[in-house]
């Protein structure tokens, strides 16, 4: 993937891009500092939700996803597998598509 990537990106593809691009820096930073960067990006996403343009919102969403992929890489989590295990059969609580849980509940 080091030649660049065009088109659709899967979660595992994103993790690979992040690993190849920033892997050494990410490993040196560690999970605690990476989590702080992720939380900062959530703050920037909140600002974009309140008053940003569509482009700013999209960029902040991409940043949050990239920092989450970074954290997953550092901790050895395959995001494709994690998402499939939790949501691959529908709602993680009622297992239905669409969800039939009480609207007042978490999902």
N, C-alpha and C. Protein backbone atom coordinates (compact mmCIF):
# COMPACT_ATOMS: atom_id res chain seq x y z
N UNK A 1 0.82 -1.19 0.00
CA UNK A 1 0.00 0.00 0.00
C UNK A 1 0.86 1.25 0.00
N UNK A 2 2.16 1.13 0.09
CA UNK A 2 3.04 2.28 0.19
C UNK A 2 3.08 3.14 -1.07
N UNK A 3 2.53 2.66 -2.18
CA UNK A 3 2.48 3.45 -3.41
C UNK A 3 1.35 4.46 -3.41
N UNK A 4 0.59 4.51 -2.35
CA UNK A 4 -0.56 5.40 -2.28
C UNK A 4 -1.82 4.59 -2.48
N UNK A 5 -2.93 5.16 -2.08
CA UNK A 5 -4.19 4.43 -2.16
C UNK A 5 -5.26 5.35 -2.70
N UNK A 6 -6.04 4.82 -3.62
CA UNK A 6 -7.15 5.58 -4.18
C UNK A 6 -8.41 4.73 -4.08
N UNK A 7 -9.53 5.40 -3.94
CA UNK A 7 -10.79 4.68 -3.92
C UNK A 7 -11.23 4.35 -2.52
N UNK A 8 -12.01 3.29 -2.42
CA UNK A 8 -12.61 2.89 -1.15
C UNK A 8 -11.56 2.38 -0.16
N UNK A 9 -11.72 2.77 1.08
CA UNK A 9 -10.80 2.33 2.13
C UNK A 9 -11.60 1.58 3.19
N UNK A 10 -11.17 0.39 3.52
CA UNK A 10 -11.79 -0.38 4.60
C UNK A 10 -11.16 0.05 5.93
N UNK A 11 -11.73 -0.40 7.03
CA UNK A 11 -11.11 -0.11 8.32
C UNK A 11 -9.71 -0.71 8.40
N UNK A 12 -9.55 -1.95 7.94
CA UNK A 12 -8.22 -2.56 7.98
C UNK A 12 -7.26 -1.84 7.04
N UNK A 13 -7.78 -1.35 5.91
CA UNK A 13 -6.95 -0.57 5.00
C UNK A 13 -6.50 0.74 5.63
N UNK A 14 -7.42 1.38 6.36
CA UNK A 14 -7.06 2.61 7.07
C UNK A 14 -5.99 2.32 8.10
N UNK A 15 -6.17 1.24 8.85
CA UNK A 15 -5.16 0.89 9.86
C UNK A 15 -3.80 0.67 9.21
N UNK A 16 -3.79 0.04 8.05
CA UNK A 16 -2.51 -0.20 7.35
C UNK A 16 -1.88 1.11 6.89
N UNK A 17 -2.69 2.01 6.33
CA UNK A 17 -2.17 3.31 5.90
C UNK A 17 -1.58 4.06 7.09
N UNK A 18 -2.32 4.10 8.20
CA UNK A 18 -1.85 4.79 9.40
C UNK A 18 -0.58 4.14 9.93
N UNK A 19 -0.54 2.81 9.95
CA UNK A 19 0.64 2.08 10.43
C UNK A 19 1.86 2.39 9.57
N UNK A 20 1.70 2.34 8.25
CA UNK A 20 2.82 2.60 7.35
C UNK A 20 3.28 4.06 7.43
N UNK A 21 2.33 4.98 7.60
CA UNK A 21 2.66 6.40 7.59
C UNK A 21 3.23 6.87 8.92
N UNK A 22 2.64 6.42 10.03
CA UNK A 22 2.98 6.97 11.34
C UNK A 22 3.40 5.93 12.38
N UNK A 23 3.55 4.68 11.97
CA UNK A 23 3.76 3.59 12.93
C UNK A 23 4.85 3.81 13.96
N UNK A 24 6.03 4.23 13.52
CA UNK A 24 7.14 4.43 14.46
C UNK A 24 6.83 5.55 15.46
N UNK A 25 6.29 6.64 14.97
CA UNK A 25 5.92 7.76 15.85
C UNK A 25 4.85 7.34 16.83
N UNK A 26 3.85 6.59 16.33
CA UNK A 26 2.75 6.16 17.18
C UNK A 26 3.24 5.23 18.29
N UNK A 27 4.11 4.30 17.95
CA UNK A 27 4.64 3.36 18.94
C UNK A 27 5.43 4.11 20.01
N UNK A 28 6.20 5.10 19.59
CA UNK A 28 6.99 5.88 20.55
C UNK A 28 6.09 6.72 21.46
N UNK A 29 4.99 7.23 20.93
CA UNK A 29 4.07 8.06 21.71
C UNK A 29 3.32 7.23 22.74
N UNK A 30 2.91 6.03 22.34
CA UNK A 30 2.19 5.16 23.26
C UNK A 30 0.70 5.42 23.30
N UNK A 31 0.01 4.55 24.02
CA UNK A 31 -1.45 4.63 24.01
C UNK A 31 -2.02 5.77 24.85
N UNK A 32 -1.41 6.11 25.96
CA UNK A 32 -1.95 7.19 26.80
C UNK A 32 -1.92 8.53 26.07
N UNK A 33 -0.78 8.88 25.47
CA UNK A 33 -0.69 10.14 24.74
C UNK A 33 -1.56 10.12 23.49
N UNK A 34 -1.66 8.97 22.85
CA UNK A 34 -2.51 8.85 21.67
C UNK A 34 -3.97 9.06 22.05
N UNK A 35 -4.39 8.53 23.18
CA UNK A 35 -5.76 8.72 23.65
C UNK A 35 -6.03 10.21 23.89
N UNK A 36 -5.06 10.94 24.41
CA UNK A 36 -5.23 12.38 24.61
C UNK A 36 -5.43 13.10 23.27
N UNK A 37 -4.67 12.70 22.24
CA UNK A 37 -4.85 13.29 20.91
C UNK A 37 -6.24 12.97 20.38
N UNK A 38 -6.71 11.73 20.59
CA UNK A 38 -8.04 11.34 20.15
C UNK A 38 -9.10 12.20 20.83
N UNK A 39 -8.97 12.43 22.12
CA UNK A 39 -9.95 13.25 22.83
C UNK A 39 -9.92 14.70 22.33
N UNK A 40 -8.73 15.19 21.99
CA UNK A 40 -8.64 16.54 21.43
C UNK A 40 -9.40 16.61 20.10
N UNK A 41 -9.26 15.56 19.29
CA UNK A 41 -9.98 15.53 18.02
C UNK A 41 -11.49 15.48 18.23
N UNK A 42 -11.95 14.80 19.28
CA UNK A 42 -13.38 14.82 19.58
C UNK A 42 -13.84 16.24 19.89
N UNK A 43 -13.02 17.00 20.59
CA UNK A 43 -13.35 18.40 20.86
C UNK A 43 -13.45 19.21 19.57
N UNK A 44 -12.53 18.97 18.65
CA UNK A 44 -12.57 19.68 17.37
C UNK A 44 -13.79 19.25 16.56
N UNK A 45 -14.17 17.98 16.67
CA UNK A 45 -15.38 17.50 16.01
C UNK A 45 -16.62 18.18 16.60
N UNK A 46 -16.65 18.34 17.92
CA UNK A 46 -17.77 19.02 18.57
C UNK A 46 -17.90 20.46 18.06
N UNK A 47 -16.79 21.14 17.91
CA UNK A 47 -16.80 22.51 17.39
C UNK A 47 -17.33 22.54 15.96
N UNK A 48 -16.87 21.60 15.15
CA UNK A 48 -17.32 21.53 13.75
C UNK A 48 -18.82 21.21 13.67
N UNK A 49 -19.31 20.37 14.58
CA UNK A 49 -20.74 20.07 14.61
C UNK A 49 -21.57 21.31 14.91
N UNK A 50 -21.05 22.15 15.80
CA UNK A 50 -21.78 23.36 16.19
C UNK A 50 -21.73 24.44 15.12
N UNK A 51 -20.55 24.65 14.54
CA UNK A 51 -20.42 25.83 13.69
C UNK A 51 -19.54 25.64 12.46
N UNK A 52 -19.15 24.44 12.16
CA UNK A 52 -18.27 24.22 11.02
C UNK A 52 -19.01 24.02 9.71
N UNK A 53 -18.26 24.13 8.64
CA UNK A 53 -18.81 23.82 7.33
C UNK A 53 -18.87 22.30 7.16
N UNK A 54 -19.54 21.86 6.13
CA UNK A 54 -19.60 20.43 5.84
C UNK A 54 -18.20 19.85 5.63
N UNK A 55 -17.33 20.60 4.97
CA UNK A 55 -15.96 20.16 4.72
C UNK A 55 -15.17 20.05 6.02
N UNK A 56 -15.33 21.03 6.92
CA UNK A 56 -14.65 20.99 8.22
C UNK A 56 -15.15 19.80 9.04
N UNK A 57 -16.46 19.57 9.01
CA UNK A 57 -17.03 18.44 9.73
C UNK A 57 -16.48 17.12 9.20
N UNK A 58 -16.42 16.98 7.90
CA UNK A 58 -15.88 15.76 7.30
C UNK A 58 -14.41 15.56 7.68
N UNK A 59 -13.63 16.63 7.66
CA UNK A 59 -12.21 16.54 8.02
C UNK A 59 -12.04 16.13 9.47
N UNK A 60 -12.85 16.66 10.36
CA UNK A 60 -12.75 16.30 11.78
C UNK A 60 -13.19 14.86 12.02
N UNK A 61 -14.21 14.42 11.29
CA UNK A 61 -14.61 13.01 11.40
C UNK A 61 -13.48 12.10 10.94
N UNK A 62 -12.82 12.48 9.86
CA UNK A 62 -11.69 11.69 9.37
C UNK A 62 -10.56 11.67 10.40
N UNK A 63 -10.31 12.80 11.04
CA UNK A 63 -9.26 12.86 12.07
C UNK A 63 -9.59 11.94 13.25
N UNK A 64 -10.84 11.96 13.71
CA UNK A 64 -11.24 11.09 14.82
C UNK A 64 -11.04 9.63 14.44
N UNK A 65 -11.45 9.27 13.23
CA UNK A 65 -11.30 7.89 12.77
C UNK A 65 -9.82 7.51 12.66
N UNK A 66 -9.00 8.42 12.17
CA UNK A 66 -7.57 8.13 12.04
C UNK A 66 -6.90 7.93 13.40
N UNK A 67 -7.24 8.78 14.39
CA UNK A 67 -6.66 8.62 15.72
C UNK A 67 -7.18 7.36 16.40
N UNK A 68 -8.42 6.97 16.13
CA UNK A 68 -8.94 5.71 16.66
C UNK A 68 -8.18 4.54 16.03
N UNK A 69 -7.92 4.61 14.73
CA UNK A 69 -7.13 3.57 14.06
C UNK A 69 -5.72 3.51 14.64
N UNK A 70 -5.16 4.66 14.96
CA UNK A 70 -3.84 4.71 15.57
C UNK A 70 -3.84 3.98 16.92
N UNK A 71 -4.82 4.29 17.74
CA UNK A 71 -4.92 3.65 19.05
C UNK A 71 -5.12 2.14 18.89
N UNK A 72 -5.95 1.75 17.95
CA UNK A 72 -6.15 0.32 17.70
C UNK A 72 -4.85 -0.35 17.26
N UNK A 73 -4.08 0.30 16.41
CA UNK A 73 -2.79 -0.25 15.99
C UNK A 73 -1.85 -0.43 17.17
N UNK A 74 -1.77 0.59 18.01
CA UNK A 74 -0.87 0.53 19.16
C UNK A 74 -1.24 -0.64 20.07
N UNK A 75 -2.54 -0.87 20.26
CA UNK A 75 -3.01 -1.92 21.16
C UNK A 75 -3.23 -3.26 20.47
N UNK A 76 -2.97 -3.33 19.16
CA UNK A 76 -3.09 -4.59 18.44
C UNK A 76 -4.52 -5.04 18.19
N UNK A 77 -5.42 -4.09 18.00
CA UNK A 77 -6.84 -4.39 17.75
C UNK A 77 -7.12 -4.26 16.26
N UNK A 78 -7.71 -5.29 15.68
CA UNK A 78 -8.15 -5.26 14.28
C UNK A 78 -9.56 -4.67 14.28
N UNK A 79 -9.70 -3.44 13.80
CA UNK A 79 -11.00 -2.77 13.84
C UNK A 79 -12.05 -3.48 13.00
N UNK A 80 -11.67 -4.03 11.84
CA UNK A 80 -12.63 -4.79 11.03
C UNK A 80 -13.23 -5.92 11.84
N UNK A 81 -12.36 -6.69 12.50
CA UNK A 81 -12.83 -7.83 13.30
C UNK A 81 -13.65 -7.37 14.49
N UNK A 82 -13.23 -6.29 15.14
CA UNK A 82 -13.95 -5.80 16.32
C UNK A 82 -15.35 -5.32 15.95
N UNK A 83 -15.46 -4.58 14.85
CA UNK A 83 -16.77 -4.07 14.43
C UNK A 83 -17.66 -5.23 13.97
N UNK A 84 -17.08 -6.17 13.24
CA UNK A 84 -17.87 -7.33 12.78
C UNK A 84 -18.38 -8.13 13.97
N UNK A 85 -17.54 -8.33 14.97
CA UNK A 85 -17.95 -9.11 16.14
C UNK A 85 -19.06 -8.41 16.92
N UNK A 86 -18.98 -7.09 17.03
CA UNK A 86 -19.97 -6.37 17.84
C UNK A 86 -21.25 -6.02 17.07
N UNK A 87 -21.12 -5.64 15.79
CA UNK A 87 -22.27 -5.14 15.04
C UNK A 87 -22.61 -5.93 13.77
N UNK A 88 -21.87 -6.99 13.51
CA UNK A 88 -22.05 -7.75 12.28
C UNK A 88 -23.40 -8.42 12.12
N UNK A 89 -24.10 -8.62 13.22
CA UNK A 89 -25.43 -9.25 13.17
C UNK A 89 -26.54 -8.27 13.49
N UNK A 90 -26.22 -6.99 13.47
CA UNK A 90 -27.23 -5.97 13.77
C UNK A 90 -26.95 -5.28 15.09
N UNK A 91 -27.99 -4.83 15.73
CA UNK A 91 -27.87 -4.14 17.01
C UNK A 91 -27.11 -5.02 17.99
N UNK A 92 -26.17 -4.42 18.69
CA UNK A 92 -25.36 -5.20 19.64
C UNK A 92 -26.15 -5.63 20.87
N UNK A 93 -27.36 -5.11 21.06
CA UNK A 93 -28.20 -5.50 22.19
C UNK A 93 -29.32 -6.47 21.79
N UNK A 94 -30.10 -6.09 20.77
CA UNK A 94 -31.25 -6.93 20.39
C UNK A 94 -30.97 -7.80 19.17
N UNK A 95 -29.84 -7.59 18.50
CA UNK A 95 -29.42 -8.33 17.30
C UNK A 95 -30.37 -8.15 16.12
N UNK A 96 -31.19 -7.12 16.13
CA UNK A 96 -32.12 -6.88 15.03
C UNK A 96 -31.63 -5.78 14.12
N UNK A 97 -32.06 -5.87 12.85
CA UNK A 97 -31.86 -4.81 11.87
C UNK A 97 -33.22 -4.54 11.25
N UNK A 98 -33.82 -3.37 11.48
CA UNK A 98 -33.36 -2.30 12.35
C UNK A 98 -33.51 -2.66 13.83
N UNK A 99 -32.85 -1.89 14.66
CA UNK A 99 -32.91 -2.09 16.11
C UNK A 99 -34.34 -1.95 16.61
N UNK A 100 -34.71 -2.86 17.51
CA UNK A 100 -36.04 -2.80 18.13
C UNK A 100 -35.97 -2.51 19.63
N UNK A 101 -34.80 -2.08 20.10
CA UNK A 101 -34.65 -1.73 21.50
C UNK A 101 -35.52 -0.51 21.83
N UNK A 102 -35.84 -0.36 23.10
CA UNK A 102 -36.56 0.80 23.58
C UNK A 102 -35.77 2.06 23.20
N UNK A 103 -36.42 3.05 22.57
CA UNK A 103 -35.72 4.27 22.15
C UNK A 103 -35.02 5.01 23.29
N UNK A 104 -35.45 4.79 24.53
CA UNK A 104 -34.82 5.45 25.68
C UNK A 104 -33.51 4.76 26.07
N UNK A 105 -33.25 3.59 25.53
CA UNK A 105 -32.04 2.84 25.86
C UNK A 105 -30.87 3.30 25.00
N UNK A 106 -29.67 2.81 25.30
CA UNK A 106 -28.43 3.24 24.70
C UNK A 106 -28.35 3.15 23.16
N UNK A 107 -28.70 2.02 22.53
CA UNK A 107 -28.48 1.98 21.07
C UNK A 107 -29.35 2.98 20.37
